[in-house]
């Protein structure tokens, strides 16, 4: 079984695209949010989130 590592924001974006392509938009959005959180450039983070529409389902304290 392949082992996946998520070390960079692009890893999360790639996974988000795969989830979106396979009909899993909620998971795609969550992965995109994680990518945006790990992206130091606010403009790039905004572009990531814009690519994966929908509202956040995160539950934060």
PDB file of N, CA and C in Angstrom:
ATOM      1  N   UNK A   1       0.853  -1.184   0.000  1.00  0.00           N
ATOM      2  CA  UNK A   1       0.000   0.000   0.000  1.00  0.00           C
ATOM      3  C   UNK A   1       0.896   1.244   0.000  1.00  0.00           C
ATOM      4  N   UNK A   2       0.626   2.183  -0.884  1.00  0.00           N
ATOM      5  CA  UNK A   2       1.465   3.385  -0.917  1.00  0.00           C
ATOM      6  C   UNK A   2       1.276   4.212   0.340  1.00  0.00           C
ATOM      7  N   UNK A   3       2.343   4.855   0.731  1.00  0.00           N
ATOM      8  CA  UNK A   3       2.297   5.722   1.897  1.00  0.00           C
ATOM      9  C   UNK A   3       2.391   7.157   1.419  1.00  0.00           C
ATOM     10  N   UNK A   4       1.462   7.972   1.863  1.00  0.00           N
ATOM     11  CA  UNK A   4       1.422   9.357   1.439  1.00  0.00           C
ATOM     12  C   UNK A   4       1.921  10.245   2.559  1.00  0.00           C
ATOM     13  N   UNK A   5       2.677  11.240   2.182  1.00  0.00           N
ATOM     14  CA  UNK A   5       3.121  12.219   3.167  1.00  0.00           C
ATOM     15  C   UNK A   5       2.598  13.585   2.756  1.00  0.00           C
ATOM     16  N   UNK A   6       2.246  14.343   3.739  1.00  0.00           N
ATOM     17  CA  UNK A   6       1.750  15.686   3.527  1.00  0.00           C
ATOM     18  C   UNK A   6       2.688  16.627   4.274  1.00  0.00           C
ATOM     19  N   UNK A   7       3.714  17.087   3.561  1.00  0.00           N
ATOM     20  CA  UNK A   7       4.715  17.955   4.165  1.00  0.00           C
ATOM     21  C   UNK A   7       4.588  19.400   3.704  1.00  0.00           C
ATOM     22  N   UNK A   8       3.935  19.598   2.582  1.00  0.00           N
ATOM     23  CA  UNK A   8       3.858  20.939   1.991  1.00  0.00           C
ATOM     24  C   UNK A   8       2.419  21.296   1.670  1.00  0.00           C
ATOM     25  N   UNK A   9       2.126  22.578   1.595  1.00  0.00           N
ATOM     26  CA  UNK A   9       0.765  22.980   1.207  1.00  0.00           C
ATOM     27  C   UNK A   9       0.344  22.384  -0.123  1.00  0.00           C
ATOM     28  N   UNK A  10       1.282  22.253  -1.052  1.00  0.00           N
ATOM     29  CA  UNK A  10       0.923  21.698  -2.360  1.00  0.00           C
ATOM     30  C   UNK A  10       0.465  20.247  -2.259  1.00  0.00           C
ATOM     31  N   UNK A  11       0.972  19.509  -1.270  1.00  0.00           N
ATOM     32  CA  UNK A  11       0.504  18.142  -1.065  1.00  0.00           C
ATOM     33  C   UNK A  11      -0.988  18.142  -0.735  1.00  0.00           C
ATOM     34  N   UNK A  12      -1.403  19.080   0.106  1.00  0.00           N
ATOM     35  CA  UNK A  12      -2.807  19.180   0.484  1.00  0.00           C
ATOM     36  C   UNK A  12      -3.666  19.648  -0.700  1.00  0.00           C
ATOM     37  N   UNK A  13      -3.136  20.576  -1.481  1.00  0.00           N
ATOM     38  CA  UNK A  13      -3.879  21.055  -2.651  1.00  0.00           C
ATOM     39  C   UNK A  13      -4.052  19.923  -3.665  1.00  0.00           C
ATOM     40  N   UNK A  14      -3.001  19.160  -3.897  1.00  0.00           N
ATOM     41  CA  UNK A  14      -3.100  18.032  -4.827  1.00  0.00           C
ATOM     42  C   UNK A  14      -4.149  17.025  -4.357  1.00  0.00           C
ATOM     43  N   UNK A  15      -4.140  16.734  -3.066  1.00  0.00           N
ATOM     44  CA  UNK A  15      -5.131  15.805  -2.516  1.00  0.00           C
ATOM     45  C   UNK A  15      -6.534  16.392  -2.625  1.00  0.00           C
ATOM     46  N   UNK A  16      -6.658  17.695  -2.397  1.00  0.00           N
ATOM     47  CA  UNK A  16      -7.962  18.346  -2.511  1.00  0.00           C
ATOM     48  C   UNK A  16      -8.491  18.239  -3.934  1.00  0.00           C
ATOM     49  N   UNK A  17      -7.633  18.419  -4.901  1.00  0.00           N
ATOM     50  CA  UNK A  17      -8.062  18.292  -6.301  1.00  0.00           C
ATOM     51  C   UNK A  17      -8.510  16.870  -6.609  1.00  0.00           C
ATOM     52  N   UNK A  18      -7.785  15.890  -6.094  1.00  0.00           N
ATOM     53  CA  UNK A  18      -8.184  14.495  -6.300  1.00  0.00           C
ATOM     54  C   UNK A  18      -9.551  14.229  -5.683  1.00  0.00           C
ATOM     55  N   UNK A  19      -9.780  14.754  -4.493  1.00  0.00           N
ATOM     56  CA  UNK A  19     -11.075  14.548  -3.836  1.00  0.00           C
ATOM     57  C   UNK A  19     -12.198  15.242  -4.606  1.00  0.00           C
ATOM     58  N   UNK A  20     -11.931  16.432  -5.090  1.00  0.00           N
ATOM     59  CA  UNK A  20     -12.938  17.150  -5.875  1.00  0.00           C
ATOM     60  C   UNK A  20     -13.256  16.381  -7.155  1.00  0.00           C
ATOM     61  N   UNK A  21     -12.227  15.874  -7.811  1.00  0.00           N
ATOM     62  CA  UNK A  21     -12.424  15.122  -9.052  1.00  0.00           C
ATOM     63  C   UNK A  21     -13.189  13.822  -8.827  1.00  0.00           C
ATOM     64  N   UNK A  22     -13.080  13.274  -7.621  1.00  0.00           N
ATOM     65  CA  UNK A  22     -13.764  12.008  -7.339  1.00  0.00           C
ATOM     66  C   UNK A  22     -15.112  12.212  -6.655  1.00  0.00           C
ATOM     67  N   UNK A  23     -15.586  13.459  -6.649  1.00  0.00           N
ATOM     68  CA  UNK A  23     -16.918  13.727  -6.128  1.00  0.00           C
ATOM     69  C   UNK A  23     -17.003  13.855  -4.622  1.00  0.00           C
ATOM     70  N   UNK A  24     -15.931  14.268  -3.992  1.00  0.00           N
ATOM     71  CA  UNK A  24     -15.913  14.442  -2.538  1.00  0.00           C
ATOM     72  C   UNK A  24     -15.620  15.911  -2.199  1.00  0.00           C
ATOM     73  N   UNK A  25     -16.556  16.802  -2.468  1.00  0.00           N
ATOM     74  CA  UNK A  25     -16.291  18.233  -2.297  1.00  0.00           C
ATOM     75  C   UNK A  25     -16.044  18.665  -0.854  1.00  0.00           C
ATOM     76  N   UNK A  26     -16.667  18.008   0.099  1.00  0.00           N
ATOM     77  CA  UNK A  26     -16.454  18.396   1.499  1.00  0.00           C
ATOM     78  C   UNK A  26     -15.033  18.082   1.932  1.00  0.00           C
ATOM     79  N   UNK A  27     -14.572  16.909   1.608  1.00  0.00           N
ATOM     80  CA  UNK A  27     -13.195  16.547   1.941  1.00  0.00           C
ATOM     81  C   UNK A  27     -12.218  17.432   1.179  1.00  0.00           C
ATOM     82  N   UNK A  28     -12.528  17.747  -0.056  1.00  0.00           N
ATOM     83  CA  UNK A  28     -11.677  18.640  -0.844  1.00  0.00           C
ATOM     84  C   UNK A  28     -11.556  19.991  -0.151  1.00  0.00           C
ATOM     85  N   UNK A  29     -12.670  20.522   0.333  1.00  0.00           N
ATOM     86  CA  UNK A  29     -12.656  21.827   1.011  1.00  0.00           C
ATOM     87  C   UNK A  29     -11.813  21.766   2.280  1.00  0.00           C
ATOM     88  N   UNK A  30     -11.960  20.706   3.061  1.00  0.00           N
ATOM     89  CA  UNK A  30     -11.172  20.579   4.295  1.00  0.00           C
ATOM     90  C   UNK A  30      -9.676  20.503   3.996  1.00  0.00           C
ATOM     91  N   UNK A  31      -9.311  19.761   2.966  1.00  0.00           N
ATOM     92  CA  UNK A  31      -7.899  19.689   2.583  1.00  0.00           C
ATOM     93  C   UNK A  31      -7.396  21.040   2.083  1.00  0.00           C
ATOM     94  N   UNK A  32      -8.235  21.752   1.344  1.00  0.00           N
ATOM     95  CA  UNK A  32      -7.851  23.083   0.864  1.00  0.00           C
ATOM     96  C   UNK A  32      -7.666  24.049   2.031  1.00  0.00           C
ATOM     97  N   UNK A  33      -8.522  23.951   3.031  1.00  0.00           N
ATOM     98  CA  UNK A  33      -8.373  24.814   4.205  1.00  0.00           C
ATOM     99  C   UNK A  33      -7.058  24.531   4.930  1.00  0.00           C
ATOM    100  N   UNK A  34      -6.700  23.267   5.011  1.00  0.00           N
ATOM    101  CA  UNK A  34      -5.420  22.917   5.648  1.00  0.00           C
ATOM    102  C   UNK A  34      -4.256  23.464   4.823  1.00  0.00           C
ATOM    103  N   UNK A  35      -4.359  23.359   3.509  1.00  0.00           N
ATOM    104  CA  UNK A  35      -3.316  23.917   2.646  1.00  0.00           C
ATOM    105  C   UNK A  35      -3.206  25.420   2.842  1.00  0.00           C
ATOM    106  N   UNK A  36      -4.339  26.091   2.902  1.00  0.00           N
ATOM    107  CA  UNK A  36      -4.329  27.545   3.095  1.00  0.00           C
ATOM    108  C   UNK A  36      -3.719  27.913   4.437  1.00  0.00           C
ATOM    109  N   UNK A  37      -4.029  27.141   5.467  1.00  0.00           N
ATOM    110  CA  UNK A  37      -3.454  27.398   6.790  1.00  0.00           C
ATOM    111  C   UNK A  37      -1.936  27.266   6.789  1.00  0.00           C
ATOM    112  N   UNK A  38      -1.432  26.383   5.965  1.00  0.00           N
ATOM    113  CA  UNK A  38       0.015  26.129   5.923  1.00  0.00           C
ATOM    114  C   UNK A  38       0.744  27.011   4.917  1.00  0.00           C
ATOM    115  N   UNK A  39       0.015  27.848   4.221  1.00  0.00           N
ATOM    116  CA  UNK A  39       0.602  28.727   3.211  1.00  0.00           C
ATOM    117  C   UNK A  39       0.925  30.078   3.843  1.00  0.00           C
ATOM    118  N   UNK A  40       2.188  30.485   3.814  1.00  0.00           N
ATOM    119  CA  UNK A  40       2.559  31.747   4.467  1.00  0.00           C
ATOM    120  C   UNK A  40       2.054  33.000   3.744  1.00  0.00           C
ATOM    121  N   UNK A  41       1.813  32.915   2.453  1.00  0.00           N
ATOM    122  CA  UNK A  41       1.378  34.068   1.675  1.00  0.00           C
ATOM    123  C   UNK A  41      -0.148  34.168   1.714  1.00  0.00           C
ATOM    124  N   UNK A  42      -0.699  35.231   2.308  1.00  0.00           N
ATOM    125  CA  UNK A  42      -2.160  35.354   2.410  1.00  0.00           C
ATOM    126  C   UNK A  42      -2.869  35.375   1.055  1.00  0.00           C
ATOM    127  N   UNK A  43      -2.248  35.949   0.042  1.00  0.00           N
ATOM    128  CA  UNK A  43      -2.867  35.976  -1.284  1.00  0.00           C
ATOM    129  C   UNK A  43      -2.949  34.569  -1.877  1.00  0.00           C
ATOM    130  N   UNK A  44      -1.895  33.804  -1.702  1.00  0.00           N
ATOM    131  CA  UNK A  44      -1.902  32.424  -2.201  1.00  0.00           C
ATOM    132  C   UNK A  44      -2.924  31.595  -1.434  1.00  0.00           C
ATOM    133  N   UNK A  45      -3.021  31.813  -0.136  1.00  0.00           N
ATOM    134  CA  UNK A  45      -4.014  31.093   0.665  1.00  0.00           C
ATOM    135  C   UNK A  45      -5.430  31.413   0.197  1.00  0.00           C
ATOM    136  N   UNK A  46      -5.683  32.659  -0.118  1.00  0.00           N
ATOM    137  CA  UNK A  46      -7.006  33.061  -0.607  1.00  0.00           C
ATOM    138  C   UNK A  46      -7.302  32.407  -1.957  1.00  0.00           C
ATOM    139  N   UNK A  47      -6.304  32.293  -2.812  1.00  0.00           N
ATOM    140  CA  UNK A  47      -6.501  31.638  -4.114  1.00  0.00           C
ATOM    141  C   UNK A  47      -6.829  30.153  -3.931  1.00  0.00           C
ATOM    142  N   UNK A  48      -6.169  29.519  -2.983  1.00  0.00           N
ATOM    143  CA  UNK A  48      -6.442  28.104  -2.717  1.00  0.00           C
ATOM    144  C   UNK A  48      -7.899  27.931  -2.293  1.00  0.00           C
ATOM    145  N   UNK A  49      -8.339  28.747  -1.352  1.00  0.00           N
ATOM    146  CA  UNK A  49      -9.715  28.633  -0.866  1.00  0.00           C
ATOM    147  C   UNK A  49     -10.730  28.961  -1.950  1.00  0.00           C
ATOM    148  N   UNK A  50     -10.388  29.903  -2.824  1.00  0.00           N
ATOM    149  CA  UNK A  50     -11.305  30.276  -3.902  1.00  0.00           C
ATOM    150  C   UNK A  50     -11.489  29.127  -4.904  1.00  0.00           C
ATOM    151  N   UNK A  51     -10.472  28.316  -5.043  1.00  0.00           N
ATOM    152  CA  UNK A  51     -10.558  27.187  -5.981  1.00  0.00           C
ATOM    153  C   UNK A  51     -11.540  26.122  -5.490  1.00  0.00           C
ATOM    154  N   UNK A  52     -11.711  26.042  -4.179  1.00  0.00           N
ATOM    155  CA  UNK A  52     -12.576  25.023  -3.591  1.00  0.00           C
ATOM    156  C   UNK A  52     -13.687  25.723  -2.823  1.00  0.00           C
ATOM    157  N   UNK A  53     -14.772  25.962  -3.526  1.00  0.00           N
ATOM    158  CA  UNK A  53     -15.859  26.737  -2.931  1.00  0.00           C
ATOM    159  C   UNK A  53     -16.567  25.939  -1.848  1.00  0.00           C
ATOM    160  N   UNK A  54     -17.354  26.647  -1.103  1.00  0.00           N
ATOM    161  CA  UNK A  54     -18.115  26.038  -0.025  1.00  0.00           C
ATOM    162  C   UNK A  54     -17.744  26.669   1.297  1.00  0.00           C
ATOM    163  N   UNK A  55     -18.588  26.407   2.260  1.00  0.00           N
ATOM    164  CA  UNK A  55     -18.312  26.984   3.569  1.00  0.00           C
ATOM    165  C   UNK A  55     -17.481  26.007   4.384  1.00  0.00           C
ATOM    166  N   UNK A  56     -16.822  26.529   5.363  1.00  0.00           N
ATOM    167  CA  UNK A  56     -15.999  25.701   6.230  1.00  0.00           C
ATOM    168  C   UNK A  56     -16.881  24.852   7.136  1.00  0.00           C
ATOM    169  N   UNK A  57     -16.481  23.639   7.335  1.00  0.00           N
ATOM    170  CA  UNK A  57     -17.162  22.746   8.254  1.00  0.00           C
ATOM    171  C   UNK A  57     -16.325  22.489   9.503  1.00  0.00           C
ATOM    172  N   UNK A  58     -15.250  23.221   9.646  1.00  0.00           N
ATOM    173  CA  UNK A  58     -14.389  23.051  10.800  1.00  0.00           C
ATOM    174  C   UNK A  58     -15.109  23.450  12.067  1.00  0.00           C
ATOM    175  N   UNK A  59     -14.796  22.730  13.104  1.00  0.00           N
ATOM    176  CA  UNK A  59     -15.305  23.061  14.425  1.00  0.00           C
ATOM    177  C   UNK A  59     -14.111  23.489  15.261  1.00  0.00           C
ATOM    178  N   UNK A  60     -14.044  24.767  15.523  1.00  0.00           N
ATOM    179  CA  UNK A  60     -12.911  25.288  16.267  1.00  0.00           C
ATOM    180  C   UNK A  60     -13.389  25.807  17.610  1.00  0.00           C
ATOM    181  N   UNK A  61     -12.506  25.705  18.577  1.00  0.00           N
ATOM    182  CA  UNK A  61     -12.833  26.173  19.935  1.00  0.00           C
ATOM    183  C   UNK A  61     -12.795  27.669  20.029  1.00  0.00           C
TER     184      UNK A  61
END
